Amino acid sequence: MKEEILDNGIKLIYKEIKGNISSFSIAFDAGANQETKEEIGLAHLVEHVLFKGTTSKSELEINVLCDKYFGFNNAMTNFPYAMYYGTTLNEDFEKAVELYGDILINPLLKEEGFKEEVNIILEELKEWIDDSDLYLEDVLFKNSFSNRRIKERIIGTEAYLKNFKIEDVRRFYEEYYTSKNCCIAVVSSIPYETVKAVVGNCLRGMALEDEKESEVLYNINKPHIYKEENSKLKIGRIEYIFPIDALSYEELAILHIFNTSFGEGVSSLLFDRVRTKKGLAYEIYSQIKVEKGIKLFIIRANTSKENIDKVISIIDECIEASKLGLFSSQEIIEGAIKKYQIRMEIKQEKSIEMAKFLATNHIMFKESIPDFYNISQRIITTVDIERVISKLFNNPIIQILSNN
């Protein structure tokens, strides 16, 4: 893998693979974390409006060329970043990067079509609210955090969206869509020097400004159980969150190993006790969320309303059981490490997923692959895991959603 800062300040990350396809991801430190309290949803709106046309292409022409050059392409806004990505044949790589460069460097950002795009996002907002998984986390974050951007939806609210003007989009774009705020990751069999020349040429016109840093807060409110009834739900949903922002990189690595046995897969402690032995939930798992501004250990379960208390009781029992030792030997730990490494390899097997992974991690952590992912470089013992567990399972916040 090669990394280089180009002459105009853009970070280029390159990973060579075999085959005739190239994937790339262009990421900016221009996500929802950069918004003020008056700008909720603006970062996502900017992402949409950029595709409305450039100084040389109409929206229709952009759409036609996207279909022509890309086998797959998309854009997304998260709390820590905004990202534009796609996969092409090698022969179309330069044209695809040139197209995205035009979209990102020469957008019209005009009044015409602006309100229509806001209406599209309002329709997207309805679908977002109807998605019970998204709704569960939205409600939990809203209840859990005080002075943090993540207490509000990435997409914003109807009130905020209807209040935005095209001038707001231009201001946010000009401030955050700059070369030093940008990273492009390319996963391809095309030689590095060729990739470097293409990227340097196609993105050379990006504004050169100082890097923008957003304030990162990880405070969490006091432990609490929140309950809400929703007539749209057909099944009960439970989510626990535990703050893990105090864990070091080494401890985060250990946490990944612990979670392979605690809540990942059909042989995990959670799955075995809640689903296999009791048949109380179709879906039960735990996951680690580590992003700039969001560091949480999450347990999630879906079950019927009448079984919610039983599932919570068993989850609590699993937490206590894990403190007594899931890893009784070094052989078990080594097996967990192998399982984790396999999952990481599968996750990054697709070139587009690797490109997204590399670009966004640089935006969030200034590292293409943060040190806590390098499990194989560590010797992990039972004592290490017990130490991390003692720090992990404290001060949970629990959100319960059920139907009426």
Protein backbone atom coordinates (compact mmCIF):
# COMPACT_ATOMS: atom_id res chain seq x y z
CA MET A 1 0.00 0.00 0.00
CA LYS A 2 1.24 3.51 -0.82
CA GLU A 3 0.28 6.86 0.68
CA GLU A 4 1.22 10.33 -0.47
CA ILE A 5 0.11 13.93 -0.08
CA LEU A 6 -0.22 15.44 -3.54
CA ASP A 7 0.99 18.91 -4.46
CA ASN A 8 -2.40 20.49 -3.79
CA GLY A 9 -2.73 18.88 -0.35
CA ILE A 10 -5.03 15.94 -1.17
CA LYS A 11 -4.13 12.68 0.55
CA LEU A 12 -3.84 9.74 -1.88
CA ILE A 13 -3.94 6.15 -0.62
CA TYR A 14 -3.32 3.35 -3.11
CA LYS A 15 -3.73 -0.40 -2.72
CA GLU A 16 -2.85 -2.74 -5.55
CA ILE A 17 -5.11 -5.67 -6.42
CA LYS A 18 -5.44 -8.03 -9.36
CA GLY A 19 -8.23 -7.81 -11.91
CA ASN A 20 -9.74 -5.38 -14.36
CA ILE A 21 -11.75 -3.16 -12.02
CA SER A 22 -10.80 -0.08 -10.04
CA SER A 23 -12.61 1.27 -7.01
CA PHE A 24 -12.12 4.68 -5.45
CA SER A 25 -13.54 6.70 -2.61
CA ILE A 26 -13.20 10.46 -2.23
CA ALA A 27 -13.87 11.45 1.40
CA PHE A 28 -14.06 14.85 3.07
CA ASP A 29 -14.04 15.93 6.69
CA ALA A 30 -17.39 17.49 5.86
CA GLY A 31 -19.87 15.33 7.71
CA ALA A 32 -22.60 16.24 10.16
CA ASN A 33 -20.04 16.76 12.96
CA GLN A 34 -19.04 19.98 11.22
CA GLU A 35 -22.53 21.47 11.46
CA THR A 36 -23.53 24.14 13.96
CA LYS A 37 -26.71 23.91 16.00
CA GLU A 38 -28.48 25.90 13.29
CA GLU A 39 -27.28 23.63 10.45
CA ILE A 40 -28.70 20.21 11.36
CA GLY A 41 -28.89 18.22 8.10
CA LEU A 42 -26.91 20.69 6.00
CA ALA A 43 -23.95 18.36 5.31
CA HIS A 44 -26.27 15.75 3.82
CA LEU A 45 -28.09 18.41 1.79
CA VAL A 46 -24.78 19.55 0.31
CA GLU A 47 -24.05 15.97 -0.80
CA HIS A 48 -27.36 15.91 -2.70
CA VAL A 49 -27.08 19.33 -4.31
CA LEU A 50 -23.58 18.67 -5.67
CA PHE A 51 -25.11 16.27 -8.21
CA LYS A 52 -27.57 18.87 -9.56
CA GLY A 53 -25.17 20.03 -12.24
CA THR A 54 -21.72 21.51 -12.92
CA THR A 55 -20.45 24.39 -15.02
CA SER A 56 -20.13 21.96 -17.96
CA LYS A 57 -22.77 19.27 -17.33
CA SER A 58 -26.47 19.15 -16.53
CA GLU A 59 -27.89 16.82 -13.89
CA LEU A 60 -29.13 14.51 -16.65
CA GLU A 61 -25.70 14.42 -18.27
CA ILE A 62 -24.12 13.56 -14.92
CA ASN A 63 -26.60 10.72 -14.42
CA VAL A 64 -25.99 9.36 -17.92
CA LEU A 65 -22.22 9.41 -17.46
CA CYS A 66 -22.47 7.76 -14.02
CA ASP A 67 -24.38 4.89 -15.59
CA LYS A 68 -21.87 4.75 -18.45
CA TYR A 69 -18.64 4.66 -16.43
CA PHE A 70 -19.60 3.04 -13.13
CA GLY A 71 -20.70 -0.51 -12.38
CA PHE A 72 -21.65 0.87 -8.99
CA ASN A 73 -21.46 4.34 -7.49
CA ASN A 74 -22.97 6.28 -4.62
CA ALA A 75 -22.43 9.00 -2.06
CA MET A 76 -23.17 9.20 1.64
CA THR A 77 -22.92 11.54 4.60
CA ASN A 78 -22.05 10.28 8.06
CA PHE A 79 -21.32 12.17 11.26
CA PRO A 80 -17.53 12.24 10.67
CA TYR A 81 -17.36 12.45 6.87
CA ALA A 82 -19.00 12.86 3.47
CA MET A 83 -17.95 10.30 0.86
CA TYR A 84 -18.27 9.82 -2.92
CA TYR A 85 -17.33 6.42 -4.28
CA GLY A 86 -17.65 3.93 -7.11
CA THR A 87 -16.25 0.99 -9.08
CA THR A 88 -15.29 1.10 -12.77
CA LEU A 89 -13.48 -0.96 -15.37
CA ASN A 90 -9.82 0.01 -15.51
CA GLU A 91 -10.35 1.51 -18.96
CA ASP A 92 -12.93 3.93 -17.54
CA PHE A 93 -11.06 4.84 -14.34
CA GLU A 94 -9.73 8.17 -15.59
CA LYS A 95 -13.10 9.23 -17.01
CA ALA A 96 -14.86 8.28 -13.77
CA VAL A 97 -12.42 10.22 -11.58
CA GLU A 98 -12.68 13.16 -13.97
CA LEU A 99 -16.48 13.08 -13.69
CA TYR A 100 -16.41 13.03 -9.89
CA GLY A 101 -13.76 15.72 -9.92
CA ASP A 102 -16.07 17.93 -11.99
CA ILE A 103 -18.98 17.26 -9.62
CA LEU A 104 -16.91 18.08 -6.53
CA ILE A 105 -14.92 21.02 -7.90
CA ASN A 106 -17.30 22.76 -10.32
CA PRO A 107 -20.84 22.44 -8.90
CA LEU A 108 -23.39 25.04 -9.94
CA LEU A 109 -25.05 25.22 -6.50
CA LYS A 110 -27.86 27.27 -8.01
CA GLU A 111 -31.39 28.11 -6.95
CA GLU A 112 -32.94 26.18 -9.84
CA GLY A 113 -33.85 22.68 -8.64
CA PHE A 114 -32.81 23.39 -5.04
CA LYS A 115 -36.28 23.20 -3.47
CA GLU A 116 -37.00 20.03 -5.46
CA GLU A 117 -33.91 18.41 -3.94
CA VAL A 118 -35.02 19.45 -0.46
CA ASN A 119 -38.36 17.74 -1.19
CA ILE A 120 -36.50 14.57 -2.18
CA ILE A 121 -34.70 14.57 1.17
CA LEU A 122 -38.02 15.13 2.96
CA GLU A 123 -39.28 11.95 1.28
CA GLU A 124 -36.06 10.20 2.33
CA LEU A 125 -36.71 11.42 5.88
CA LYS A 126 -40.10 9.67 5.89
CA GLU A 127 -38.45 6.39 4.91
CA TRP A 128 -35.75 6.95 7.54
CA ILE A 129 -38.34 7.38 10.28
CA ASP A 130 -40.24 4.30 9.09
CA ASP A 131 -37.07 2.17 9.36
CA SER A 132 -37.36 0.76 12.88
CA ASP A 133 -33.60 0.07 13.19
CA LEU A 134 -32.72 3.66 12.33
CA TYR A 135 -35.54 4.96 14.49
CA LEU A 136 -34.35 2.93 17.49
CA GLU A 137 -30.85 4.39 17.34
CA ASP A 138 -32.16 7.89 16.64
CA VAL A 139 -34.35 7.80 19.74
CA LEU A 140 -31.57 6.30 21.86
CA PHE A 141 -29.03 8.94 20.81
CA LYS A 142 -31.60 11.68 21.32
CA ASN A 143 -32.21 10.49 24.88
CA SER A 144 -28.59 9.69 25.69
CA PHE A 145 -26.58 12.73 24.69
CA SER A 146 -26.84 16.39 25.53
CA ASN A 147 -24.36 18.75 23.85
CA ARG A 148 -23.48 16.55 20.88
CA ARG A 149 -24.38 16.55 17.19
CA ILE A 150 -25.27 12.83 17.23
CA LYS A 151 -28.39 13.48 19.29
CA GLU A 152 -30.04 14.62 16.04
CA ARG A 153 -30.48 12.63 12.81
CA ILE A 154 -27.77 12.97 10.17
CA ILE A 155 -30.47 13.73 7.62
CA GLY A 156 -31.91 16.55 9.77
CA THR A 157 -35.53 17.39 10.47
CA GLU A 158 -38.38 18.78 8.38
CA ALA A 159 -38.11 22.16 10.09
CA TYR A 160 -34.39 22.53 9.44
CA LEU A 161 -34.61 21.28 5.86
CA LYS A 162 -37.41 23.65 4.88
CA ASN A 163 -35.47 26.58 6.34
CA PHE A 164 -32.23 26.07 4.37
CA LYS A 165 -31.34 28.31 1.44
CA ILE A 166 -28.90 27.68 -1.41
CA GLU A 167 -26.58 30.24 0.23
CA ASP A 168 -26.24 27.89 3.22
CA VAL A 169 -25.16 25.09 0.90
CA ARG A 170 -22.58 27.32 -0.82
CA ARG A 171 -21.13 28.47 2.50
CA PHE A 172 -20.73 24.93 3.87
CA TYR A 173 -19.30 23.67 0.57
CA GLU A 174 -16.74 26.46 0.32
CA GLU A 175 -15.60 25.93 3.89
CA TYR A 176 -15.20 22.15 3.97
CA TYR A 177 -14.80 20.85 0.41
CA THR A 178 -11.12 21.71 0.18
CA SER A 179 -8.01 19.73 -0.77
CA LYS A 180 -6.52 19.52 2.72
CA ASN A 181 -9.88 18.29 3.98
CA CYS A 182 -9.90 15.51 1.35
CA CYS A 183 -8.61 11.96 0.99
CA ILE A 184 -8.96 9.69 -2.04
CA ALA A 185 -8.33 5.96 -1.74
CA VAL A 186 -7.86 3.91 -4.92
CA VAL A 187 -7.90 0.10 -5.05
CA SER A 188 -6.77 -1.02 -8.49
CA SER A 189 -4.37 -3.00 -10.67
CA ILE A 190 -3.50 0.18 -12.56
CA PRO A 191 0.13 1.15 -11.74
CA TYR A 192 0.51 3.63 -8.92
CA GLU A 193 2.21 6.34 -10.97
CA THR A 194 -0.64 6.26 -13.48
CA VAL A 195 -3.23 6.50 -10.69
CA LYS A 196 -1.30 9.38 -9.12
CA ALA A 197 -1.20 11.25 -12.43
CA VAL A 198 -4.95 10.75 -13.02
CA VAL A 199 -5.93 11.86 -9.53
CA GLY A 200 -3.55 14.81 -9.60
CA ASN A 201 -4.92 15.96 -12.94
CA CYS A 202 -8.64 15.38 -12.30
CA LEU A 203 -8.66 16.94 -8.81
CA ARG A 204 -6.10 19.66 -9.37
CA GLY A 205 -8.69 22.45 -9.28
CA MET A 206 -9.89 21.76 -5.74
CA ALA A 207 -9.64 24.76 -3.42
CA LEU A 208 -6.51 24.79 -1.27
CA GLU A 209 -7.44 25.79 2.25
CA ASP A 210 -6.33 24.90 5.75
CA GLU A 211 -7.71 21.68 7.19
CA LYS A 212 -10.89 22.14 9.23
CA GLU A 213 -11.08 20.46 12.61
CA SER A 214 -14.38 19.75 14.34
CA GLU A 215 -14.62 19.52 18.11
CA VAL A 216 -14.95 15.92 19.28
CA LEU A 217 -17.07 15.27 22.37
CA TYR A 218 -17.65 11.83 23.87
CA ASN A 219 -19.62 12.68 27.01
CA ILE A 220 -22.57 10.45 27.83
CA ASN A 221 -25.46 11.10 30.18
CA LYS A 222 -26.22 9.10 33.31
CA PRO A 223 -27.32 5.44 33.00
CA HIS A 224 -31.02 5.11 32.36
CA ILE A 225 -33.67 2.88 30.78
CA TYR A 226 -35.85 4.67 28.24
CA LYS A 227 -39.12 3.18 27.04
CA GLU A 228 -41.33 4.22 24.15
CA GLU A 229 -44.38 2.69 22.50
CA ASN A 230 -44.87 3.01 18.75
CA SER A 231 -47.96 1.75 16.99
CA LYS A 232 -46.01 1.22 13.74
CA LEU A 233 -43.79 -1.44 15.29
CA LYS A 234 -44.64 -5.10 14.84
CA ILE A 235 -41.93 -6.30 17.21
CA GLY A 236 -40.12 -5.01 20.29
CA ARG A 237 -36.60 -3.64 19.99
CA ILE A 238 -33.91 -3.31 22.62
CA GLU A 239 -30.58 -1.48 22.41
CA TYR A 240 -27.85 -1.08 25.03
CA ILE A 241 -24.96 1.34 24.64
CA PHE A 242 -21.79 1.47 26.71
CA PRO A 243 -19.26 4.30 26.26
CA ILE A 244 -15.81 3.10 25.16
CA ASP A 245 -14.12 6.43 24.46
CA ALA A 246 -11.80 5.91 27.46
CA LEU A 247 -10.31 2.72 25.95
CA SER A 248 -6.84 2.91 24.42
CA TYR A 249 -6.06 1.59 20.93
CA GLU A 250 -4.68 -1.57 22.51
CA GLU A 251 -7.84 -2.01 24.58
CA LEU A 252 -10.04 -1.46 21.51
CA ALA A 253 -8.13 -4.26 19.77
CA ILE A 254 -8.75 -6.54 22.74
CA LEU A 255 -12.43 -5.57 22.73
CA HIS A 256 -12.75 -6.78 19.12
CA ILE A 257 -11.42 -10.19 20.19
CA PHE A 258 -13.77 -10.33 23.17
CA ASN A 259 -16.77 -9.51 21.00
CA THR A 260 -16.20 -12.47 18.64
CA SER A 261 -17.27 -14.71 21.53
CA PHE A 262 -19.66 -12.37 23.32
CA GLY A 263 -21.98 -11.15 20.56
CA GLU A 264 -20.80 -11.96 17.04
CA GLY A 265 -21.95 -15.08 15.25
CA VAL A 266 -24.22 -18.01 16.02
CA SER A 267 -21.86 -19.50 18.62
CA SER A 268 -21.62 -16.27 20.63
CA LEU A 269 -22.77 -16.10 24.24
CA LEU A 270 -25.66 -13.74 23.45
CA PHE A 271 -26.94 -15.76 20.49
CA ASP A 272 -26.65 -19.06 22.34
CA ARG A 273 -28.47 -18.00 25.50
CA VAL A 274 -31.14 -15.73 24.00
CA ARG A 275 -31.95 -17.41 20.69
CA THR A 276 -30.60 -20.97 20.61
CA LYS A 277 -31.55 -22.04 24.15
CA LYS A 278 -34.57 -19.82 24.82
CA GLY A 279 -35.92 -18.93 21.37
CA LEU A 280 -36.71 -15.41 22.54
CA ALA A 281 -35.24 -13.34 19.72
CA TYR A 282 -34.68 -13.72 16.00
CA GLU A 283 -31.91 -11.12 16.03
CA ILE A 284 -29.43 -10.64 18.89
CA TYR A 285 -25.89 -9.34 18.57
CA SER A 286 -23.32 -6.86 19.83
CA GLN A 287 -21.10 -4.56 17.83
CA ILE A 288 -18.33 -2.00 18.27
CA LYS A 289 -18.85 1.47 16.82
CA VAL A 290 -15.64 3.48 16.62
CA GLU A 291 -15.85 6.68 14.60
CA LYS A 292 -14.71 10.23 15.13
CA GLY A 293 -17.19 11.49 17.72
CA ILE A 294 -18.89 8.12 18.34
CA LYS A 295 -17.26 5.38 20.40
CA LEU A 296 -19.79 2.87 21.71
CA PHE A 297 -20.24 -0.83 22.45
CA ILE A 298 -23.77 -1.74 21.35
CA ILE A 299 -26.03 -4.70 22.18
CA ARG A 300 -29.19 -5.01 20.10
CA ALA A 301 -32.10 -7.47 20.16
CA ASN A 302 -35.48 -7.79 18.43
CA THR A 303 -38.21 -9.67 20.26
CA SER A 304 -41.93 -9.64 20.99
CA LYS A 305 -43.32 -7.12 23.47
CA GLU A 306 -44.12 -9.81 26.03
CA ASN A 307 -40.54 -11.13 25.95
CA ILE A 308 -38.70 -7.83 26.35
CA ASP A 309 -38.12 -8.18 30.10
CA LYS A 310 -36.94 -11.78 29.69
CA VAL A 311 -34.45 -10.83 26.98
CA ILE A 312 -33.09 -7.94 29.05
CA SER A 313 -32.68 -10.28 32.01
CA ILE A 314 -30.69 -12.77 29.92
CA ILE A 315 -28.54 -10.02 28.38
CA ASP A 316 -27.69 -8.87 31.89
CA GLU A 317 -26.85 -12.47 32.82
CA CYS A 318 -24.55 -12.71 29.77
CA ILE A 319 -22.76 -9.55 30.83
CA GLU A 320 -22.16 -10.98 34.28
CA ALA A 321 -21.13 -14.35 32.84
CA SER A 322 -18.57 -12.68 30.59
CA LYS A 323 -16.90 -11.20 33.64
CA LEU A 324 -16.33 -14.72 34.95
CA GLY A 325 -14.36 -15.66 31.88
CA LEU A 326 -15.17 -16.50 28.27
CA PHE A 327 -11.50 -17.08 27.54
CA SER A 328 -10.11 -19.76 29.81
CA SER A 329 -7.02 -20.58 27.73
CA GLN A 330 -4.62 -19.05 25.24
CA GLU A 331 -5.88 -21.53 22.65
CA ILE A 332 -9.38 -20.04 22.88
CA ILE A 333 -7.98 -16.53 22.52
CA GLU A 334 -5.96 -17.53 19.43
CA GLY A 335 -9.11 -19.04 17.92
CA ALA A 336 -10.96 -15.76 18.53
CA ILE A 337 -8.15 -13.78 16.91
CA LYS A 338 -8.29 -16.04 13.84
CA LYS A 339 -12.08 -15.61 13.66
CA TYR A 340 -11.72 -11.83 13.83
CA GLN A 341 -9.03 -11.76 11.14
CA ILE A 342 -11.21 -13.82 8.79
CA ARG A 343 -14.13 -11.43 9.28
CA MET A 344 -11.93 -8.42 8.60
CA GLU A 345 -10.60 -10.02 5.41
CA ILE A 346 -14.13 -10.83 4.19
CA LYS A 347 -15.30 -7.31 5.03
CA GLN A 348 -12.55 -5.79 2.93
CA GLU A 349 -12.59 -8.39 0.14
CA LYS A 350 -14.63 -6.14 -2.14
CA SER A 351 -12.45 -3.44 -3.64
CA ILE A 352 -15.08 -0.75 -3.06
CA GLU A 353 -15.35 -1.63 0.63
CA MET A 354 -11.57 -1.43 0.94
CA ALA A 355 -11.52 1.97 -0.78
CA LYS A 356 -14.23 3.30 1.54
CA PHE A 357 -12.47 1.84 4.59
CA LEU A 358 -9.11 3.43 3.74
CA ALA A 359 -10.45 6.87 2.86
CA THR A 360 -12.84 7.28 5.80
CA ASN A 361 -10.37 6.01 8.38
CA HIS A 362 -7.85 8.59 7.22
CA ILE A 363 -10.47 11.33 7.54
CA MET A 364 -11.43 10.16 11.03
CA PHE A 365 -8.11 9.07 12.52
CA LYS A 366 -5.42 10.33 10.11
CA GLU A 367 -4.53 6.68 9.57
CA SER A 368 -5.59 4.52 6.63
CA ILE A 369 -5.75 1.48 8.93
CA PRO A 370 -5.92 2.52 12.60
CA ASP A 371 -3.65 0.63 14.94
CA PHE A 372 -6.50 -1.03 16.81
CA TYR A 373 -7.29 -3.13 13.72
CA ASN A 374 -3.83 -4.71 13.71
CA ILE A 375 -4.77 -7.57 16.02
CA SER A 376 -2.13 -9.98 14.68
CA GLN A 377 0.66 -7.73 15.98
CA ARG A 378 -0.39 -8.20 19.61
CA ILE A 379 -0.08 -10.89 22.24
CA ILE A 380 -3.43 -10.95 24.04
CA THR A 381 -3.96 -12.80 27.31
CA THR A 382 -6.91 -13.65 29.57
CA VAL A 383 -5.77 -10.93 31.96
CA ASP A 384 -5.92 -8.37 29.14
CA ILE A 385 -9.48 -9.35 28.25
CA GLU A 386 -10.61 -9.28 31.89
CA ARG A 387 -9.13 -5.79 32.26
CA VAL A 388 -11.06 -4.50 29.24
CA ILE A 389 -14.33 -6.12 30.38
CA SER A 390 -13.99 -4.40 33.75
CA LYS A 391 -13.84 -1.05 31.93
CA LEU A 392 -16.54 -1.92 29.40
CA PHE A 393 -19.70 -2.94 31.21
CA ASN A 394 -20.37 0.21 33.19
CA ASN A 395 -23.02 2.94 32.96
CA PRO A 396 -25.27 1.46 30.25
CA ILE A 397 -28.12 3.35 28.66
CA ILE A 398 -30.95 1.14 27.42
CA GLN A 399 -33.62 2.05 24.90
CA ILE A 400 -36.77 -0.09 24.60
CA LEU A 401 -39.28 0.30 21.77
CA SER A 402 -42.47 -1.72 21.66
CA ASN A 403 -45.85 -1.67 19.95
CA ASN A 404 -48.99 -0.53 21.77
